[in-house]
Protein backbone atom coordinates (compact mmCIF):
# COMPACT_ATOMS: atom_id res chain seq x y z
CA MET A 1 -8.17 92.53 -60.99
CA PHE A 2 -9.19 89.20 -59.68
CA LYS A 3 -12.46 87.44 -59.63
CA LYS A 4 -12.34 85.24 -57.05
CA VAL A 5 -9.85 84.94 -53.74
CA LEU A 6 -9.06 81.89 -51.74
CA ILE A 7 -7.78 83.26 -47.78
CA ALA A 8 -5.72 81.16 -46.90
CA ASN A 9 -5.75 81.67 -43.43
CA ARG A 10 -8.31 82.30 -40.05
CA GLY A 11 -8.87 84.77 -37.64
CA GLU A 12 -8.62 88.64 -37.77
CA ILE A 13 -6.05 88.74 -40.56
CA ALA A 14 -8.62 86.51 -42.59
CA LEU A 15 -11.78 89.21 -41.88
CA ARG A 16 -9.06 91.75 -42.92
CA ILE A 17 -8.71 90.28 -46.28
CA ILE A 18 -11.93 89.78 -46.51
CA ARG A 19 -12.80 92.91 -46.19
CA ALA A 20 -10.51 94.35 -48.24
CA CYS A 21 -11.63 92.03 -51.28
CA LYS A 22 -15.44 93.10 -50.82
CA GLU A 23 -14.17 97.03 -51.37
CA LEU A 24 -12.40 95.62 -54.40
CA GLY A 25 -15.24 93.79 -55.75
CA ILE A 26 -13.76 90.81 -54.87
CA GLN A 27 -15.33 87.43 -54.22
CA SER A 28 -14.08 85.37 -50.96
CA VAL A 29 -13.42 81.88 -50.48
CA ALA A 30 -12.41 80.81 -47.17
CA VAL A 31 -11.22 78.07 -45.68
CA TYR A 32 -11.29 76.30 -42.31
CA SER A 33 -10.32 73.39 -40.26
CA GLU A 34 -13.24 71.65 -37.91
CA ALA A 35 -12.51 74.03 -35.01
CA ASP A 36 -13.28 77.10 -36.67
CA ALA A 37 -16.39 76.03 -38.06
CA ASP A 38 -18.30 78.99 -36.27
CA SER A 39 -15.92 81.58 -36.69
CA LEU A 40 -16.44 85.11 -37.98
CA HIS A 41 -14.45 84.37 -41.41
CA VAL A 42 -16.38 81.52 -42.48
CA GLN A 43 -19.46 83.77 -41.96
CA MET A 44 -18.15 86.38 -43.94
CA ALA A 45 -16.75 85.00 -46.64
CA ASP A 46 -18.98 84.89 -49.86
CA GLU A 47 -17.78 80.83 -49.66
CA ALA A 48 -16.24 78.90 -47.35
CA VAL A 49 -14.59 75.32 -47.23
CA CYS A 50 -13.67 72.69 -44.20
CA ILE A 51 -9.92 72.12 -45.06
CA GLY A 52 -9.75 69.12 -42.24
CA PRO A 53 -9.00 68.43 -38.31
CA ALA A 54 -7.77 71.08 -35.74
CA ALA A 55 -4.41 70.84 -35.83
CA ALA A 56 -2.77 73.73 -38.14
CA THR A 57 -0.46 70.50 -39.56
CA ASP A 58 -3.93 68.90 -40.82
CA SER A 59 -5.30 71.99 -42.14
CA TYR A 60 -3.90 75.38 -42.33
CA LEU A 61 -0.32 74.31 -43.29
CA LYS A 62 -1.56 71.20 -45.27
CA ILE A 63 -1.10 72.48 -48.67
CA THR A 64 -2.60 69.62 -50.82
CA ASN A 65 -5.85 70.33 -48.96
CA ILE A 66 -5.79 74.27 -49.65
CA ILE A 67 -5.11 74.19 -53.07
CA SER A 68 -8.06 71.39 -53.73
CA ALA A 69 -10.16 73.45 -52.25
CA ALA A 70 -8.87 76.61 -54.67
CA GLU A 71 -9.66 74.53 -57.81
CA VAL A 72 -12.85 73.49 -56.26
CA ALA A 73 -13.90 76.99 -55.97
CA ASP A 74 -12.19 78.37 -58.56
CA VAL A 75 -10.13 80.99 -57.73
CA ASP A 76 -7.75 83.48 -59.38
CA ALA A 77 -5.70 83.65 -56.22
CA ILE A 78 -4.99 82.97 -53.04
CA HIS A 79 -3.75 84.94 -50.61
CA PRO A 80 -2.11 83.74 -47.49
CA GLY A 81 -2.20 85.92 -44.91
CA TYR A 82 0.89 86.35 -42.01
CA GLY A 83 2.17 83.27 -40.24
CA PHE A 84 1.00 79.54 -41.58
CA LEU A 85 2.45 79.23 -45.17
CA ALA A 86 2.66 82.75 -45.58
CA GLU A 87 6.18 82.75 -46.52
CA ASN A 88 6.48 79.01 -48.11
CA ALA A 89 8.11 79.44 -50.99
CA HIS A 90 7.32 76.06 -51.83
CA PHE A 91 3.47 77.11 -51.56
CA ALA A 92 4.01 79.57 -53.63
CA GLU A 93 5.73 77.72 -56.04
CA ILE A 94 3.12 75.15 -56.58
CA CYS A 95 0.49 78.25 -56.79
CA ALA A 96 2.11 79.39 -59.81
CA ASN A 97 2.05 75.77 -61.17
CA CYS A 98 -1.12 75.70 -60.53
CA ASN A 99 -1.74 78.75 -62.70
CA ILE A 100 -3.30 80.35 -59.64
CA THR A 101 -1.45 83.96 -58.20
CA PHE A 102 0.11 84.13 -54.83
CA ILE A 103 -0.70 87.49 -53.42
CA GLY A 104 2.97 87.63 -52.13
CA PRO A 105 6.29 87.79 -53.49
CA SER A 106 7.79 85.19 -55.65
CA ALA A 107 8.63 81.82 -54.32
CA GLU A 108 12.28 83.14 -55.50
CA CYS A 109 11.94 86.23 -53.45
CA ILE A 110 10.72 84.30 -50.75
CA ASN A 111 13.66 82.14 -50.68
CA GLN A 112 15.71 85.15 -50.61
CA MET A 113 14.66 86.92 -48.35
CA GLY A 114 11.80 84.91 -46.29
CA ASP A 115 14.39 82.48 -45.55
CA LYS A 116 15.60 84.42 -42.57
CA ALA A 117 19.72 82.65 -43.56
CA ILE A 118 19.83 83.80 -47.23
CA ALA A 119 18.42 86.89 -46.74
CA ARG A 120 21.31 87.88 -44.14
CA ASP A 121 23.63 87.05 -46.91
CA THR A 122 21.58 89.29 -49.31
CA MET A 123 21.66 91.78 -47.11
CA LYS A 124 25.54 91.52 -46.61
CA ALA A 125 26.17 91.72 -50.53
CA ALA A 126 24.26 94.94 -50.74
CA GLY A 127 25.92 96.80 -48.31
CA VAL A 128 23.39 97.22 -45.63
CA PRO A 129 24.70 96.25 -41.93
CA ILE A 130 23.60 93.01 -40.39
CA THR A 131 24.40 91.55 -37.09
CA PRO A 132 27.36 89.05 -36.74
CA GLY A 133 26.23 85.77 -36.31
CA SER A 134 26.15 82.34 -38.66
CA ASP A 135 26.69 82.01 -42.65
CA GLY A 136 23.72 80.28 -43.76
CA VAL A 137 22.04 77.31 -41.58
CA LEU A 138 23.71 75.53 -39.03
CA LYS A 139 23.22 71.53 -39.03
CA THR A 140 23.74 70.51 -35.56
CA PRO A 141 24.00 72.09 -31.88
CA ASP A 142 27.82 71.17 -32.09
CA ASP A 143 27.81 74.07 -34.99
CA ALA A 144 26.06 76.29 -32.76
CA LEU A 145 28.20 75.22 -30.09
CA ALA A 146 31.36 75.96 -32.26
CA LEU A 147 30.46 79.57 -33.58
CA ALA A 148 29.03 80.37 -29.72
CA LYS A 149 32.55 80.10 -28.66
CA LYS A 150 33.87 82.26 -31.35
CA MET A 151 31.19 84.98 -30.88
CA GLY A 152 30.56 84.73 -27.34
CA TYR A 153 27.33 84.46 -25.14
CA PRO A 154 24.44 85.73 -24.91
CA VAL A 155 23.64 84.62 -28.75
CA LEU A 156 19.95 84.38 -30.11
CA LEU A 157 19.00 80.95 -32.29
CA LYS A 158 15.96 81.52 -34.67
CA ALA A 159 14.31 79.45 -37.35
CA VAL A 160 15.40 80.35 -40.92
CA ALA A 161 11.23 80.47 -41.82
CA GLY A 162 10.18 81.78 -38.24
CA GLY A 163 7.64 84.79 -37.45
CA GLY A 164 5.76 85.69 -34.65
CA GLY A 165 8.40 84.69 -32.10
CA LYS A 166 8.19 81.58 -32.37
CA GLY A 167 10.76 79.38 -33.39
CA MET A 168 13.49 81.52 -31.34
CA ARG A 169 15.20 80.95 -28.08
CA VAL A 170 18.01 83.30 -25.85
CA ALA A 171 20.72 81.37 -24.96
CA ARG A 172 23.49 82.55 -22.48
CA ASN A 173 26.02 79.31 -21.67
CA ASP A 174 26.17 76.03 -23.63
CA VAL A 175 23.92 74.23 -21.58
CA SER A 176 21.01 76.69 -22.28
CA LEU A 177 22.25 76.72 -26.29
CA VAL A 178 21.91 72.85 -26.90
CA GLN A 179 18.24 72.83 -25.39
CA GLY A 180 17.17 76.03 -26.68
CA PHE A 181 18.59 74.32 -30.30
CA MET A 182 16.34 71.46 -30.34
CA ALA A 183 13.48 73.44 -28.82
CA ALA A 184 13.89 76.23 -31.26
CA SER A 185 13.86 73.25 -34.37
CA ALA A 186 11.20 71.74 -33.19
CA GLU A 187 8.87 74.88 -32.79
CA GLY A 188 10.45 75.87 -36.68
CA GLU A 189 8.92 72.27 -37.64
CA ALA A 190 5.52 72.41 -36.30
CA SER A 191 4.89 76.00 -37.25
CA PHE A 192 6.49 76.73 -40.22
CA GLY A 193 7.37 72.95 -41.59
CA ASN A 194 10.92 74.06 -41.18
CA PRO A 195 13.46 72.85 -38.78
CA ASP A 196 16.35 75.05 -40.13
CA LEU A 197 18.60 77.45 -37.76
CA PHE A 198 20.61 79.51 -37.83
CA MET A 199 22.46 82.06 -35.21
CA GLU A 200 23.43 85.57 -34.47
CA LYS A 201 24.47 87.80 -31.40
CA TYR A 202 22.16 88.78 -29.21
CA ILE A 203 22.07 92.10 -28.37
CA GLU A 204 20.75 93.29 -25.05
CA SER A 205 19.83 96.63 -24.69
CA ALA A 206 18.30 97.30 -28.14
CA ARG A 207 15.08 99.09 -29.82
CA HIS A 208 13.56 97.14 -32.56
CA VAL A 209 11.98 98.99 -35.26
CA GLU A 210 11.23 98.03 -39.06
CA VAL A 211 10.02 99.81 -42.12
CA GLN A 212 7.49 98.92 -43.97
CA ILE A 213 7.37 98.47 -48.12
CA ILE A 214 5.45 97.80 -51.04
CA GLY A 215 6.49 97.01 -54.47
CA ASP A 216 4.92 96.32 -57.80
CA LYS A 217 5.50 94.13 -60.91
CA HIS A 218 6.68 97.51 -62.85
CA GLY A 219 10.10 98.15 -60.84
CA ASN A 220 8.99 100.44 -58.17
CA VAL A 221 9.47 99.83 -54.20
CA CYS A 222 8.42 102.40 -52.05
CA HIS A 223 8.84 102.72 -47.91
CA VAL A 224 5.69 103.86 -45.81
CA GLY A 225 7.65 104.86 -42.69
CA GLU A 226 8.56 102.89 -39.78
CA ARG A 227 7.28 101.47 -36.63
CA ASP A 228 8.70 100.77 -33.07
CA CYS A 229 8.10 97.04 -31.72
CA SER A 230 10.58 97.33 -28.96
CA ILE A 231 7.99 96.16 -26.36
CA GLN A 232 8.07 92.68 -27.08
CA ARG A 233 7.97 89.42 -24.63
CA ARG A 234 10.11 86.42 -25.99
CA HIS A 235 10.15 87.85 -29.14
CA GLN A 236 6.37 88.12 -29.25
CA LYS A 237 5.17 91.79 -30.10
CA LEU A 238 2.68 93.56 -27.46
CA VAL A 239 2.64 97.07 -28.85
CA GLU A 240 3.63 98.84 -31.63
CA GLU A 241 3.74 101.96 -32.85
CA ALA A 242 4.22 104.25 -35.93
CA PRO A 243 6.40 106.81 -36.47
CA CYS A 244 9.35 104.93 -33.86
CA PRO A 245 9.33 108.04 -31.10
CA THR A 246 12.86 108.59 -30.72
CA LEU A 247 14.74 109.09 -34.35
CA THR A 248 16.10 111.44 -35.66
CA ASP A 249 14.90 112.78 -39.51
CA GLU A 250 18.29 111.41 -40.65
CA GLU A 251 18.14 108.22 -38.96
CA ARG A 252 14.54 107.88 -40.28
CA LYS A 253 15.58 108.73 -43.50
CA ALA A 254 18.55 106.08 -43.92
CA LEU A 255 16.54 103.39 -42.70
CA GLY A 256 14.06 104.33 -44.98
CA ASP A 257 16.37 104.19 -47.96
CA ALA A 258 17.85 101.12 -47.19
CA ALA A 259 14.62 99.25 -46.74
CA VAL A 260 13.67 100.67 -50.17
CA LYS A 261 17.35 99.80 -52.14
CA ALA A 262 17.22 95.78 -50.20
CA GLY A 263 13.74 95.53 -51.76
CA LYS A 264 15.05 96.93 -55.37
CA ALA A 265 17.69 94.29 -54.71
CA VAL A 266 15.69 91.30 -54.91
CA GLY A 267 13.14 92.88 -57.22
CA TYR A 268 10.41 92.84 -54.11
CA ASN A 269 6.86 92.96 -55.39
CA SER A 270 4.20 92.50 -52.80
CA ALA A 271 3.93 94.24 -48.84
CA GLY A 272 6.91 93.44 -46.86
CA THR A 273 8.93 94.57 -43.52
CA LEU A 274 12.70 94.83 -43.04
CA GLU A 275 13.27 94.84 -39.15
CA PHE A 276 16.38 96.41 -37.95
CA LEU A 277 17.43 96.12 -34.00
CA TYR A 278 19.09 99.75 -33.01
CA ASP A 279 22.00 99.06 -30.55
CA GLU A 280 21.52 102.05 -28.15
CA ILE A 281 25.13 101.29 -26.88
CA GLU A 282 26.65 101.36 -30.70
CA LYS A 283 24.47 104.08 -31.58
CA LYS A 284 24.08 101.70 -34.95
CA PHE A 285 21.02 99.79 -36.59
CA TYR A 286 21.67 96.35 -37.78
CA PHE A 287 19.26 94.47 -40.42
CA MET A 288 18.08 91.31 -38.47
CA GLU A 289 15.57 89.60 -40.91
CA MET A 290 13.01 90.64 -43.81
CA ASN A 291 9.16 89.32 -42.89
CA THR A 292 7.67 88.73 -47.01
CA ARG A 293 4.57 89.05 -45.72
CA ILE A 294 1.91 91.42 -44.59
CA GLN A 295 2.36 92.02 -41.17
CA VAL A 296 -0.10 91.79 -37.58
CA GLU A 297 0.77 95.62 -36.83
CA HIS A 298 0.94 96.96 -40.75
CA THR A 299 -2.35 98.55 -38.89
CA VAL A 300 -0.43 101.53 -37.76
CA SER A 301 1.42 101.78 -40.57
CA GLU A 302 -1.73 102.35 -42.72
CA GLU A 303 -3.10 105.05 -39.54
CA VAL A 304 -0.58 107.80 -40.23
CA SER A 305 -0.13 107.43 -43.94
CA GLY A 306 -3.77 106.98 -44.96
CA ILE A 307 -2.69 103.47 -47.12
CA ASP A 308 -4.71 101.13 -47.06
CA LEU A 309 -1.91 98.32 -47.26
CA MET A 310 -4.01 95.32 -47.94
CA LYS A 311 -5.89 96.64 -50.70
CA GLU A 312 -2.71 97.75 -52.44
CA GLN A 313 -0.99 94.22 -52.22
CA ILE A 314 -3.98 92.65 -54.03
CA ARG A 315 -4.09 95.36 -56.72
CA VAL A 316 0.23 94.55 -57.39
CA ALA A 317 -0.50 91.17 -57.51
CA ALA A 318 -2.84 91.68 -59.79
CA GLY A 319 -0.37 93.40 -62.05
CA GLU A 320 -1.25 96.89 -61.24
CA LYS A 321 1.37 99.61 -60.68
CA LEU A 322 1.71 101.34 -57.20
CA SER A 323 -1.31 103.84 -56.41
CA PHE A 324 1.32 106.52 -54.91
CA THR A 325 4.95 106.93 -55.32
CA GLN A 326 7.75 107.95 -52.35
CA ASP A 327 6.72 111.66 -52.73
CA ASP A 328 3.01 110.91 -52.28
CA VAL A 329 3.78 108.99 -48.71
CA LYS A 330 3.39 111.85 -45.79
CA ILE A 331 3.24 110.27 -42.35
CA THR A 332 0.85 112.31 -40.00
CA GLY A 333 -0.01 112.09 -36.36
CA HIS A 334 0.72 108.94 -34.33
CA ALA A 335 -0.50 105.41 -33.90
CA ILE A 336 -0.60 102.81 -31.35
CA GLU A 337 -1.75 99.64 -31.55
CA TYR A 338 -1.68 96.80 -28.44
CA ARG A 339 -2.72 92.91 -29.23
CA VAL A 340 -5.39 91.66 -26.68
CA ASN A 341 -4.58 88.28 -26.15
CA ALA A 342 -5.99 85.31 -24.70
CA GLU A 343 -3.53 84.64 -21.48
CA ASP A 344 -3.09 85.38 -17.76
CA PRO A 345 -0.35 88.27 -17.64
CA TYR A 346 -0.79 87.37 -13.61
CA ASN A 347 -0.14 83.96 -14.77
CA ASN A 348 3.43 83.87 -16.42
CA PHE A 349 1.09 84.20 -19.47
CA THR A 350 -0.50 80.64 -19.21
CA PRO A 351 -3.23 80.58 -22.17
CA ALA A 352 -6.74 80.64 -21.26
CA PRO A 353 -8.89 79.50 -24.23
CA GLY A 354 -12.46 78.84 -23.86
CA PRO A 355 -16.32 80.22 -24.34
CA VAL A 356 -16.32 84.12 -24.68
CA GLU A 357 -19.79 84.89 -22.77
CA ALA A 358 -19.85 88.38 -23.55
CA VAL A 359 -17.74 90.99 -25.20
CA HIS A 360 -17.28 94.89 -25.80
CA PHE A 361 -15.22 96.70 -28.13
CA PRO A 362 -14.45 100.63 -27.54
CA GLY A 363 -15.61 102.96 -29.77
CA GLY A 364 -15.02 106.56 -30.66
CA PRO A 365 -12.68 108.96 -32.71
CA GLY A 366 -9.33 107.64 -33.41
CA ILE A 367 -10.13 103.80 -32.42
CA ARG A 368 -10.25 100.83 -34.57
CA ILE A 369 -10.80 96.79 -34.16
CA ASP A 370 -9.38 94.33 -35.77
CA SER A 371 -10.75 91.47 -34.11
CA HIS A 372 -12.32 88.07 -34.71
CA VAL A 373 -14.14 87.94 -31.77
CA TYR A 374 -18.21 87.77 -30.48
CA SER A 375 -20.35 86.81 -28.01
CA GLY A 376 -20.66 83.34 -27.48
CA TYR A 377 -17.68 82.67 -29.34
CA ASN A 378 -15.13 80.07 -28.12
CA ILE A 379 -11.54 80.40 -28.19
CA SER A 380 -9.50 77.66 -29.89
CA PRO A 381 -6.84 75.86 -27.56
CA TYR A 382 -5.17 75.32 -31.12
CA TYR A 383 -3.70 78.25 -32.20
CA ASP A 384 -2.50 81.81 -31.41
CA SER A 385 -4.23 83.49 -28.34
CA MET A 386 -4.19 86.63 -30.10
CA ILE A 387 -7.55 87.68 -29.89
CA ALA A 388 -8.04 91.10 -30.97
CA LYS A 389 -5.82 94.09 -32.13
CA ILE A 390 -7.11 97.89 -30.60
CA ILE A 391 -5.43 100.46 -32.83
CA VAL A 392 -5.58 104.15 -31.77
CA ARG A 393 -4.45 107.14 -33.94
CA GLY A 394 -4.07 110.80 -32.50
CA LYS A 395 -2.19 114.04 -33.66
CA ASP A 396 0.24 113.42 -31.75
CA ARG A 397 1.84 110.56 -29.37
CA GLU A 398 0.49 112.22 -26.35
CA GLU A 399 -3.14 111.73 -27.61
CA ALA A 400 -2.53 108.53 -29.25
CA ILE A 401 -1.19 107.07 -25.67
CA MET A 402 -4.69 109.00 -23.78
CA ARG A 403 -6.73 107.55 -26.42
CA MET A 404 -5.34 103.78 -26.06
CA ARG A 405 -5.79 104.08 -22.61
CA ARG A 406 -9.30 104.98 -22.98
CA ALA A 407 -9.96 102.18 -25.48
CA LEU A 408 -8.30 100.26 -22.94
CA GLU A 409 -10.55 100.75 -20.60
CA GLU A 410 -13.58 100.54 -22.38
CA PHE A 411 -12.71 96.73 -23.51
CA THR A 412 -14.76 94.84 -21.40
CA ILE A 413 -14.86 90.69 -22.39
CA SER A 414 -16.60 88.01 -19.87
CA GLY A 415 -14.81 84.63 -19.71
CA PRO A 416 -11.32 84.19 -20.19
CA HIS A 417 -8.07 85.86 -19.31
CA THR A 418 -6.71 88.86 -21.74
CA SER A 419 -3.64 91.07 -21.61
CA VAL A 420 -5.83 93.79 -21.19
CA PRO A 421 -4.55 94.48 -17.56
CA LEU A 422 -1.22 95.13 -18.63
CA GLY A 423 -1.72 97.34 -21.69
CA GLU A 424 -3.43 99.63 -19.18
CA ALA A 425 -0.48 99.25 -16.68
CA LEU A 426 1.98 99.75 -19.50
CA MET A 427 0.18 103.13 -21.02
CA THR A 428 0.76 104.47 -17.41
CA ASP A 429 4.50 103.86 -16.73
CA LYS A 430 7.10 106.63 -16.87
CA ALA A 431 9.44 104.86 -19.04
CA PHE A 432 6.40 104.15 -22.12
CA ILE A 433 5.46 107.56 -22.03
CA ASP A 434 8.77 108.78 -22.49
CA GLY A 435 9.40 106.70 -25.35
CA SER A 436 12.49 104.94 -23.10
CA TYR A 437 12.17 101.74 -23.45
CA ASN A 438 13.98 99.24 -25.59
CA THR A 439 13.36 95.45 -26.17
CA ALA A 440 14.36 94.42 -22.06
CA TYR A 441 11.56 97.05 -20.93
CA LEU A 442 8.48 94.74 -21.03
CA GLU A 443 10.56 91.94 -18.92
CA LYS A 444 11.92 93.81 -16.50
CA PHE A 445 8.33 96.14 -16.02
CA MET A 446 6.90 92.86 -15.49
CA HIS A 447 8.84 91.81 -12.55
CA GLU A 448 9.39 95.41 -10.88
CA VAL A 449 5.87 96.96 -11.51
CA PHE A 450 3.18 94.71 -12.99
CA LEU A 451 3.51 91.80 -10.90
CA ASN A 452 4.42 93.69 -7.63
CA GLY A 453 1.39 96.34 -7.94
């Protein structure tokens, strides 16, 4: 097992990794930008190293600074968390060259699956259905226009190294396609250091269902059930739940089997997620992309499976075998996660950075809070607006919904605007309660219900 791990991230995920390390008896090293000097992950880690100015390109995305910090601290491994360098194959390769274990898949695997365009080709070769789209990267806006003319609008542009809704644009005509191409490419470059894009047909009426997998270095790959992530705004997830409320047992098994098959096809040996779109009209699942990292919403899978995915990911990176088999995975109860973002849902989700005067988190049975925020904390304008995740678990979906209602009601914060009022409204909406929502639901709910309330 590792003796010391550097966490190349910030916020709640850095705290999540630090806590897992503590439970495994591993020392943790935090890295931080000048803007994050007072952050909780800096205070909770055994050691902390400043890696640069506030801008992510000069700190959390600066590979040379992170490797220097790792060498100074003499760590065995680096955990990238999610976002930033988590799916950067070059970073994983540099770690290996420096004899530092990258807690994630190999650089080769990231290239195969973390690059969204290559992943589509890999899945196609493995016999997994994929959404119609480009073969590889689109070099210019003209290439995108030619393909859109062939496929028909609407289309979806996606950054090959994207995640978290960044580097994605829906285009419904030639003008919005050219504008979207430039914007998505620039966003991909700024967020992930890679401007390359690919394109796929945009399915209007679809559910976003993903399967959590984890593999080890001994050839074992298991899935830990599925999650429904259909409630999203501009491709940024807001609510996630496990299991998916509408899947049949047959569909659930087929999805899980397809995910494991895909993982084994590329020799996957870490935590990862395969994302699928379910076309409600055609009644078909299509592979969308794979995230070769731990995800924000891994929490709901942990709650219904009883498996600590973060500790499991660290163990398999250290060369241990998975501590369970597929037959051991039992999904019980229901879990829902709501992302609390520092933004104003009444004002086009305008970011709301600034000081947190006071914060009180909900508690009681079945409630878990993953957050890096505290009273007196200053929310930075430089990074993602998510400030907390509320995760609830119930014996069934009805109890989980009631528990989330209570948790959102108890969540109080003075200072910034947050997405809490939107969550309270969602949890009482008939379409959500019935489970009859899709990826278009939230935008419609915002205009027809929430903003007219």
